[in-house]
Amino acid sequence: MASKLLMSNSVSTLSSASISVDTTKRVNVSGVSSNQNYTPEKMKSLYQTDQQVKLLHLEAEVETLLLELRTIKERHLAT
């Protein structure tokens, strides 16, 4: 069971990395020079307000689903 929890953390880390890479791709596709360093705050400011709102909603949904998954796993381990 512990290996499943470790794997879950790895998947979560991988998901975060994928999101970062995807965000970088969007910045590069928009024509912004790729040799500049961007913080997440600067990258978010490159998007229109409606896209930022969608991103925030998706991030909140992901956090909610991860919390739900952790709760289910903890209940399963307790039985």
PDB file of N, CA and C in Angstrom:
ATOM      1  N   MET A   1       0.813  -1.199   0.000  1.00  0.00           N
ATOM      2  CA  MET A   1       0.000   0.000   0.000  1.00  0.00           C
ATOM      3  C   MET A   1       0.857   1.264   0.000  1.00  0.00           C
ATOM      4  N   ALA A   2       1.976   1.226   0.715  1.00  0.00           N
ATOM      5  CA  ALA A   2       2.851   2.402   0.766  1.00  0.00           C
ATOM      6  C   ALA A   2       3.385   2.734  -0.611  1.00  0.00           C
ATOM      7  N   SER A   3       3.636   1.686  -1.411  1.00  0.00           N
ATOM      8  CA  SER A   3       4.141   1.943  -2.764  1.00  0.00           C
ATOM      9  C   SER A   3       3.107   2.674  -3.604  1.00  0.00           C
ATOM     10  N   LYS A   4       1.841   2.398  -3.366  1.00  0.00           N
ATOM     11  CA  LYS A   4       0.791   3.106  -4.097  1.00  0.00           C
ATOM     12  C   LYS A   4       0.789   4.586  -3.739  1.00  0.00           C
ATOM     13  N   LEU A   5       0.999   4.887  -2.455  1.00  0.00           N
ATOM     14  CA  LEU A   5       1.041   6.286  -2.044  1.00  0.00           C
ATOM     15  C   LEU A   5       2.238   6.995  -2.652  1.00  0.00           C
ATOM     16  N   LEU A   6       3.390   6.311  -2.687  1.00  0.00           N
ATOM     17  CA  LEU A   6       4.573   6.903  -3.303  1.00  0.00           C
ATOM     18  C   LEU A   6       4.340   7.135  -4.784  1.00  0.00           C
ATOM     19  N   MET A   7       3.699   6.165  -5.444  1.00  0.00           N
ATOM     20  CA  MET A   7       3.413   6.308  -6.864  1.00  0.00           C
ATOM     21  C   MET A   7       2.457   7.473  -7.083  1.00  0.00           C
ATOM     22  N   SER A   8       1.489   7.633  -6.185  1.00  0.00           N
ATOM     23  CA  SER A   8       0.547   8.744  -6.295  1.00  0.00           C
ATOM     24  C   SER A   8       1.272  10.076  -6.213  1.00  0.00           C
ATOM     25  N   ASN A   9       2.226  10.190  -5.299  1.00  0.00           N
ATOM     26  CA  ASN A   9       2.993  11.425  -5.186  1.00  0.00           C
ATOM     27  C   ASN A   9       3.810  11.670  -6.437  1.00  0.00           C
ATOM     28  N   SER A  10       4.354  10.607  -7.033  1.00  0.00           N
ATOM     29  CA  SER A  10       5.129  10.755  -8.267  1.00  0.00           C
ATOM     30  C   SER A  10       4.242  11.238  -9.400  1.00  0.00           C
ATOM     31  N   VAL A  11       3.045  10.680  -9.484  1.00  0.00           N
ATOM     32  CA  VAL A  11       2.113  11.091 -10.531  1.00  0.00           C
ATOM     33  C   VAL A  11       1.735  12.549 -10.337  1.00  0.00           C
ATOM     34  N   SER A  12       1.513  12.943  -9.091  1.00  0.00           N
ATOM     35  CA  SER A  12       1.174  14.332  -8.806  1.00  0.00           C
ATOM     36  C   SER A  12       2.305  15.263  -9.220  1.00  0.00           C
ATOM     37  N   THR A  13       3.544  14.866  -8.925  1.00  0.00           N
ATOM     38  CA  THR A  13       4.699  15.665  -9.317  1.00  0.00           C
ATOM     39  C   THR A  13       4.805  15.725 -10.828  1.00  0.00           C
ATOM     40  N   LEU A  14       4.579  14.591 -11.485  1.00  0.00           N
ATOM     41  CA  LEU A  14       4.638  14.542 -12.942  1.00  0.00           C
ATOM     42  C   LEU A  14       3.573  15.440 -13.542  1.00  0.00           C
ATOM     43  N   SER A  15       2.382  15.430 -12.956  1.00  0.00           N
ATOM     44  CA  SER A  15       1.315  16.290 -13.459  1.00  0.00           C
ATOM     45  C   SER A  15       1.698  17.753 -13.353  1.00  0.00           C
ATOM     46  N   SER A  16       2.304  18.129 -12.253  1.00  0.00           N
ATOM     47  CA  SER A  16       2.739  19.515 -12.085  1.00  0.00           C
ATOM     48  C   SER A  16       3.775  19.887 -13.121  1.00  0.00           C
ATOM     49  N   ALA A  17       4.696  18.966 -13.392  1.00  0.00           N
ATOM     50  CA  ALA A  17       5.729  19.229 -14.397  1.00  0.00           C
ATOM     51  C   ALA A  17       5.104  19.365 -15.776  1.00  0.00           C
ATOM     52  N   SER A  18       4.118  18.528 -16.076  1.00  0.00           N
ATOM     53  CA  SER A  18       3.454  18.595 -17.377  1.00  0.00           C
ATOM     54  C   SER A  18       2.739  19.920 -17.556  1.00  0.00           C
ATOM     55  N   ILE A  19       2.119  20.396 -16.497  1.00  0.00           N
ATOM     56  CA  ILE A  19       1.420  21.674 -16.570  1.00  0.00           C
ATOM     57  C   ILE A  19       2.417  22.788 -16.847  1.00  0.00           C
ATOM     58  N   SER A  20       3.563  22.751 -16.186  1.00  0.00           N
ATOM     59  CA  SER A  20       4.579  23.776 -16.400  1.00  0.00           C
ATOM     60  C   SER A  20       5.077  23.762 -17.833  1.00  0.00           C
ATOM     61  N   VAL A  21       5.324  22.560 -18.359  1.00  0.00           N
ATOM     62  CA  VAL A  21       5.806  22.443 -19.736  1.00  0.00           C
ATOM     63  C   VAL A  21       4.750  22.951 -20.696  1.00  0.00           C
ATOM     64  N   ASP A  22       3.487  22.581 -20.456  1.00  0.00           N
ATOM     65  CA  ASP A  22       2.405  23.018 -21.320  1.00  0.00           C
ATOM     66  C   ASP A  22       2.285  24.535 -21.306  1.00  0.00           C
ATOM     67  N   THR A  23       2.410  25.140 -20.154  1.00  0.00           N
ATOM     68  CA  THR A  23       2.338  26.595 -20.047  1.00  0.00           C
ATOM     69  C   THR A  23       3.465  27.236 -20.836  1.00  0.00           C
ATOM     70  N   THR A  24       4.660  26.675 -20.737  1.00  0.00           N
ATOM     71  CA  THR A  24       5.806  27.205 -21.472  1.00  0.00           C
ATOM     72  C   THR A  24       5.555  27.123 -22.966  1.00  0.00           C
ATOM     73  N   LYS A  25       4.978  26.019 -23.424  1.00  0.00           N
ATOM     74  CA  LYS A  25       4.674  25.875 -24.849  1.00  0.00           C
ATOM     75  C   LYS A  25       3.722  26.970 -25.304  1.00  0.00           C
ATOM     76  N   ARG A  26       2.702  27.251 -24.497  1.00  0.00           N
ATOM     77  CA  ARG A  26       1.743  28.281 -24.876  1.00  0.00           C
ATOM     78  C   ARG A  26       2.414  29.641 -24.978  1.00  0.00           C
ATOM     79  N   VAL A  27       3.336  29.902 -24.096  1.00  0.00           N
ATOM     80  CA  VAL A  27       4.046  31.179 -24.150  1.00  0.00           C
ATOM     81  C   VAL A  27       4.863  31.254 -25.426  1.00  0.00           C
ATOM     82  N   ASN A  28       5.555  30.162 -25.778  1.00  0.00           N
ATOM     83  CA  ASN A  28       6.384  30.157 -26.977  1.00  0.00           C
ATOM     84  C   ASN A  28       5.546  30.261 -28.245  1.00  0.00           C
ATOM     85  N   VAL A  29       4.396  29.595 -28.279  1.00  0.00           N
ATOM     86  CA  VAL A  29       3.532  29.630 -29.455  1.00  0.00           C
ATOM     87  C   VAL A  29       2.987  31.032 -29.679  1.00  0.00           C
ATOM     88  N   SER A  30       2.788  31.783 -28.605  1.00  0.00           N
ATOM     89  CA  SER A  30       2.209  33.119 -28.740  1.00  0.00           C
ATOM     90  C   SER A  30       3.187  34.127 -29.333  1.00  0.00           C
ATOM     91  N   GLY A  31       4.417  33.700 -29.583  1.00  0.00           N
ATOM     92  CA  GLY A  31       5.379  34.584 -30.219  1.00  0.00           C
ATOM     93  C   GLY A  31       6.317  35.284 -29.261  1.00  0.00           C
ATOM     94  N   VAL A  32       6.224  34.983 -27.982  1.00  0.00           N
ATOM     95  CA  VAL A  32       7.118  35.583 -27.003  1.00  0.00           C
ATOM     96  C   VAL A  32       8.465  34.882 -27.102  1.00  0.00           C
ATOM     97  N   SER A  33       9.531  35.634 -27.029  1.00  0.00           N
ATOM     98  CA  SER A  33      10.874  35.071 -27.121  1.00  0.00           C
ATOM     99  C   SER A  33      11.073  33.986 -26.077  1.00  0.00           C
ATOM    100  N   SER A  34      11.586  32.826 -26.499  1.00  0.00           N
ATOM    101  CA  SER A  34      11.746  31.702 -25.585  1.00  0.00           C
ATOM    102  C   SER A  34      13.013  31.799 -24.749  1.00  0.00           C
ATOM    103  N   ASN A  35      13.902  32.759 -25.038  1.00  0.00           N
ATOM    104  CA  ASN A  35      15.133  32.852 -24.266  1.00  0.00           C
ATOM    105  C   ASN A  35      14.979  33.738 -23.030  1.00  0.00           C
ATOM    106  N   GLN A  36      13.787  34.218 -22.756  1.00  0.00           N
ATOM    107  CA  GLN A  36      13.541  35.026 -21.566  1.00  0.00           C
ATOM    108  C   GLN A  36      13.052  34.120 -20.444  1.00  0.00           C
ATOM    109  N   ASN A  37      13.435  34.432 -19.221  1.00  0.00           N
ATOM    110  CA  ASN A  37      12.970  33.664 -18.067  1.00  0.00           C
ATOM    111  C   ASN A  37      11.666  34.263 -17.560  1.00  0.00           C
ATOM    112  N   TYR A  38      10.676  33.398 -17.336  1.00  0.00           N
ATOM    113  CA  TYR A  38       9.373  33.850 -16.861  1.00  0.00           C
ATOM    114  C   TYR A  38       9.045  33.161 -15.552  1.00  0.00           C
ATOM    115  N   THR A  39       8.579  33.920 -14.594  1.00  0.00           N
ATOM    116  CA  THR A  39       8.038  33.347 -13.375  1.00  0.00           C
ATOM    117  C   THR A  39       6.579  33.007 -13.667  1.00  0.00           C
ATOM    118  N   PRO A  40       5.985  32.119 -12.864  1.00  0.00           N
ATOM    119  CA  PRO A  40       4.565  31.808 -13.090  1.00  0.00           C
ATOM    120  C   PRO A  40       3.680  33.051 -13.081  1.00  0.00           C
ATOM    121  N   GLU A  41       4.011  34.032 -12.233  1.00  0.00           N
ATOM    122  CA  GLU A  41       3.206  35.253 -12.172  1.00  0.00           C
ATOM    123  C   GLU A  41       3.289  36.028 -13.490  1.00  0.00           C
ATOM    124  N   LYS A  42       4.491  36.120 -14.054  1.00  0.00           N
ATOM    125  CA  LYS A  42       4.652  36.829 -15.321  1.00  0.00           C
ATOM    126  C   LYS A  42       3.941  36.085 -16.443  1.00  0.00           C
ATOM    127  N   MET A  43       4.031  34.751 -16.432  1.00  0.00           N
ATOM    128  CA  MET A  43       3.395  33.970 -17.490  1.00  0.00           C
ATOM    129  C   MET A  43       1.880  34.114 -17.422  1.00  0.00           C
ATOM    130  N   LYS A  44       1.317  34.116 -16.210  1.00  0.00           N
ATOM    131  CA  LYS A  44      -0.128  34.276 -16.070  1.00  0.00           C
ATOM    132  C   LYS A  44      -0.585  35.629 -16.593  1.00  0.00           C
ATOM    133  N   SER A  45       0.236  36.652 -16.443  1.00  0.00           N
ATOM    134  CA  SER A  45      -0.153  37.982 -16.906  1.00  0.00           C
ATOM    135  C   SER A  45      -0.178  38.067 -18.431  1.00  0.00           C
ATOM    136  N   LEU A  46       0.429  37.097 -19.117  1.00  0.00           N
ATOM    137  CA  LEU A  46       0.415  37.083 -20.573  1.00  0.00           C
ATOM    138  C   LEU A  46      -0.934  36.615 -21.129  1.00  0.00           C
ATOM    139  N   TYR A  47      -1.737  35.965 -20.290  1.00  0.00           N
ATOM    140  CA  TYR A  47      -3.026  35.455 -20.732  1.00  0.00           C
ATOM    141  C   TYR A  47      -4.125  36.492 -20.514  1.00  0.00           C
ATOM    142  N   GLN A  48      -5.182  36.361 -21.295  1.00  0.00           N
ATOM    143  CA  GLN A  48      -6.336  37.232 -21.110  1.00  0.00           C
ATOM    144  C   GLN A  48      -7.050  36.840 -19.821  1.00  0.00           C
ATOM    145  N   THR A  49      -7.838  37.754 -19.305  1.00  0.00           N
ATOM    146  CA  THR A  49      -8.504  37.544 -18.022  1.00  0.00           C
ATOM    147  C   THR A  49      -9.374  36.293 -18.024  1.00  0.00           C
ATOM    148  N   ASP A  50     -10.135  36.057 -19.089  1.00  0.00           N
ATOM    149  CA  ASP A  50     -11.008  34.882 -19.115  1.00  0.00           C
ATOM    150  C   ASP A  50     -10.201  33.593 -19.076  1.00  0.00           C
ATOM    151  N   GLN A  51      -9.027  33.584 -19.696  1.00  0.00           N
ATOM    152  CA  GLN A  51      -8.176  32.399 -19.660  1.00  0.00           C
ATOM    153  C   GLN A  51      -7.596  32.195 -18.265  1.00  0.00           C
ATOM    154  N   GLN A  52      -7.277  33.283 -17.577  1.00  0.00           N
ATOM    155  CA  GLN A  52      -6.777  33.183 -16.209  1.00  0.00           C
ATOM    156  C   GLN A  52      -7.850  32.615 -15.292  1.00  0.00           C
ATOM    157  N   VAL A  53      -9.088  33.050 -15.486  1.00  0.00           N
ATOM    158  CA  VAL A  53     -10.201  32.545 -14.678  1.00  0.00           C
ATOM    159  C   VAL A  53     -10.382  31.054 -14.916  1.00  0.00           C
ATOM    160  N   LYS A  54     -10.341  30.625 -16.184  1.00  0.00           N
ATOM    161  CA  LYS A  54     -10.462  29.198 -16.502  1.00  0.00           C
ATOM    162  C   LYS A  54      -9.337  28.405 -15.848  1.00  0.00           C
ATOM    163  N   LEU A  55      -8.117  28.927 -15.905  1.00  0.00           N
ATOM    164  CA  LEU A  55      -6.973  28.257 -15.298  1.00  0.00           C
ATOM    165  C   LEU A  55      -7.166  28.106 -13.793  1.00  0.00           C
ATOM    166  N   LEU A  56      -7.609  29.165 -13.136  1.00  0.00           N
ATOM    167  CA  LEU A  56      -7.831  29.104 -11.693  1.00  0.00           C
ATOM    168  C   LEU A  56      -8.912  28.088 -11.335  1.00  0.00           C
ATOM    169  N   HIS A  57      -9.974  28.032 -12.132  1.00  0.00           N
ATOM    170  CA  HIS A  57     -11.038  27.054 -11.886  1.00  0.00           C
ATOM    171  C   HIS A  57     -10.512  25.634 -12.060  1.00  0.00           C
ATOM    172  N   LEU A  58      -9.723  25.410 -13.109  1.00  0.00           N
ATOM    173  CA  LEU A  58      -9.160  24.080 -13.338  1.00  0.00           C
ATOM    174  C   LEU A  58      -8.193  23.685 -12.223  1.00  0.00           C
ATOM    175  N   GLU A  59      -7.375  24.624 -11.775  1.00  0.00           N
ATOM    176  CA  GLU A  59      -6.456  24.336 -10.672  1.00  0.00           C
ATOM    177  C   GLU A  59      -7.229  23.970  -9.409  1.00  0.00           C
ATOM    178  N   ALA A  60      -8.309  24.686  -9.138  1.00  0.00           N
ATOM    179  CA  ALA A  60      -9.134  24.395  -7.963  1.00  0.00           C
ATOM    180  C   ALA A  60      -9.789  23.023  -8.091  1.00  0.00           C
ATOM    181  N   GLU A  61     -10.250  22.689  -9.288  1.00  0.00           N
ATOM    182  CA  GLU A  61     -10.871  21.385  -9.511  1.00  0.00           C
ATOM    183  C   GLU A  61      -9.860  20.263  -9.312  1.00  0.00           C
ATOM    184  N   VAL A  62      -8.652  20.449  -9.808  1.00  0.00           N
ATOM    185  CA  VAL A  62      -7.596  19.447  -9.637  1.00  0.00           C
ATOM    186  C   VAL A  62      -7.296  19.250  -8.156  1.00  0.00           C
ATOM    187  N   GLU A  63      -7.174  20.337  -7.412  1.00  0.00           N
ATOM    188  CA  GLU A  63      -6.902  20.240  -5.977  1.00  0.00           C
ATOM    189  C   GLU A  63      -8.030  19.501  -5.257  1.00  0.00           C
ATOM    190  N   THR A  64      -9.271  19.790  -5.631  1.00  0.00           N
ATOM    191  CA  THR A  64     -10.420  19.123  -5.020  1.00  0.00           C
ATOM    192  C   THR A  64     -10.395  17.631  -5.313  1.00  0.00           C
ATOM    193  N   LEU A  65     -10.116  17.269  -6.561  1.00  0.00           N
ATOM    194  CA  LEU A  65     -10.065  15.857  -6.936  1.00  0.00           C
ATOM    195  C   LEU A  65      -8.917  15.129  -6.239  1.00  0.00           C
ATOM    196  N   LEU A  66      -7.763  15.779  -6.109  1.00  0.00           N
ATOM    197  CA  LEU A  66      -6.640  15.159  -5.404  1.00  0.00           C
ATOM    198  C   LEU A  66      -6.976  14.938  -3.931  1.00  0.00           C
ATOM    199  N   LEU A  67      -7.635  15.907  -3.319  1.00  0.00           N
ATOM    200  CA  LEU A  67      -8.051  15.764  -1.925  1.00  0.00           C
ATOM    201  C   LEU A  67      -9.040  14.611  -1.773  1.00  0.00           C
ATOM    202  N   GLU A  68      -9.987  14.517  -2.693  1.00  0.00           N
ATOM    203  CA  GLU A  68     -10.960  13.430  -2.669  1.00  0.00           C
ATOM    204  C   GLU A  68     -10.267  12.080  -2.829  1.00  0.00           C
ATOM    205  N   LEU A  69      -9.309  12.000  -3.734  1.00  0.00           N
ATOM    206  CA  LEU A  69      -8.560  10.763  -3.958  1.00  0.00           C
ATOM    207  C   LEU A  69      -7.782  10.364  -2.706  1.00  0.00           C
ATOM    208  N   ARG A  70      -7.131  11.330  -2.069  1.00  0.00           N
ATOM    209  CA  ARG A  70      -6.388  11.039  -0.836  1.00  0.00           C
ATOM    210  C   ARG A  70      -7.320  10.524   0.254  1.00  0.00           C
ATOM    211  N   THR A  71      -8.493  11.128   0.364  1.00  0.00           N
ATOM    212  CA  THR A  71      -9.465  10.710   1.374  1.00  0.00           C
ATOM    213  C   THR A  71      -9.914   9.279   1.121  1.00  0.00           C
ATOM    214  N   ILE A  72     -10.186   8.943  -0.123  1.00  0.00           N
ATOM    215  CA  ILE A  72     -10.606   7.584  -0.482  1.00  0.00           C
ATOM    216  C   ILE A  72      -9.492   6.590  -0.168  1.00  0.00           C
ATOM    217  N   LYS A  73      -8.255   6.939  -0.513  1.00  0.00           N
ATOM    218  CA  LYS A  73      -7.122   6.045  -0.241  1.00  0.00           C
ATOM    219  C   LYS A  73      -6.937   5.835   1.254  1.00  0.00           C
ATOM    220  N   GLU A  74      -7.074   6.906   2.045  1.00  0.00           N
ATOM    221  CA  GLU A  74      -6.926   6.782   3.493  1.00  0.00           C
ATOM    222  C   GLU A  74      -8.012   5.889   4.073  1.00  0.00           C
ATOM    223  N   ARG A  75      -9.244   6.032   3.581  1.00  0.00           N
ATOM    224  CA  ARG A  75     -10.336   5.174   4.040  1.00  0.00           C
ATOM    225  C   ARG A  75     -10.059   3.727   3.677  1.00  0.00           C
ATOM    226  N   HIS A  76      -9.538   3.514   2.466  1.00  0.00           N
ATOM    227  CA  HIS A  76      -9.241   2.158   1.997  1.00  0.00           C
ATOM    228  C   HIS A  76      -8.129   1.529   2.839  1.00  0.00           C
ATOM    229  N   LEU A  77      -7.112   2.317   3.183  1.00  0.00           N
ATOM    230  CA  LEU A  77      -6.009   1.805   3.997  1.00  0.00           C
ATOM    231  C   LEU A  77      -6.458   1.511   5.427  1.00  0.00           C
ATOM    232  N   ALA A  78      -7.447   2.244   5.912  1.00  0.00           N
ATOM    233  CA  ALA A  78      -7.931   2.058   7.278  1.00  0.00           C
ATOM    234  C   ALA A  78      -8.756   0.782   7.422  1.00  0.00           C
ATOM    235  N   THR A  79      -9.258   0.260   6.325  1.00  0.00           N
ATOM    236  CA  THR A  79     -10.094  -0.955   6.408  1.00  0.00           C
ATOM    237  C   THR A  79      -9.283  -2.207   6.269  1.00  0.00           C
TER     238      THR A  79
END
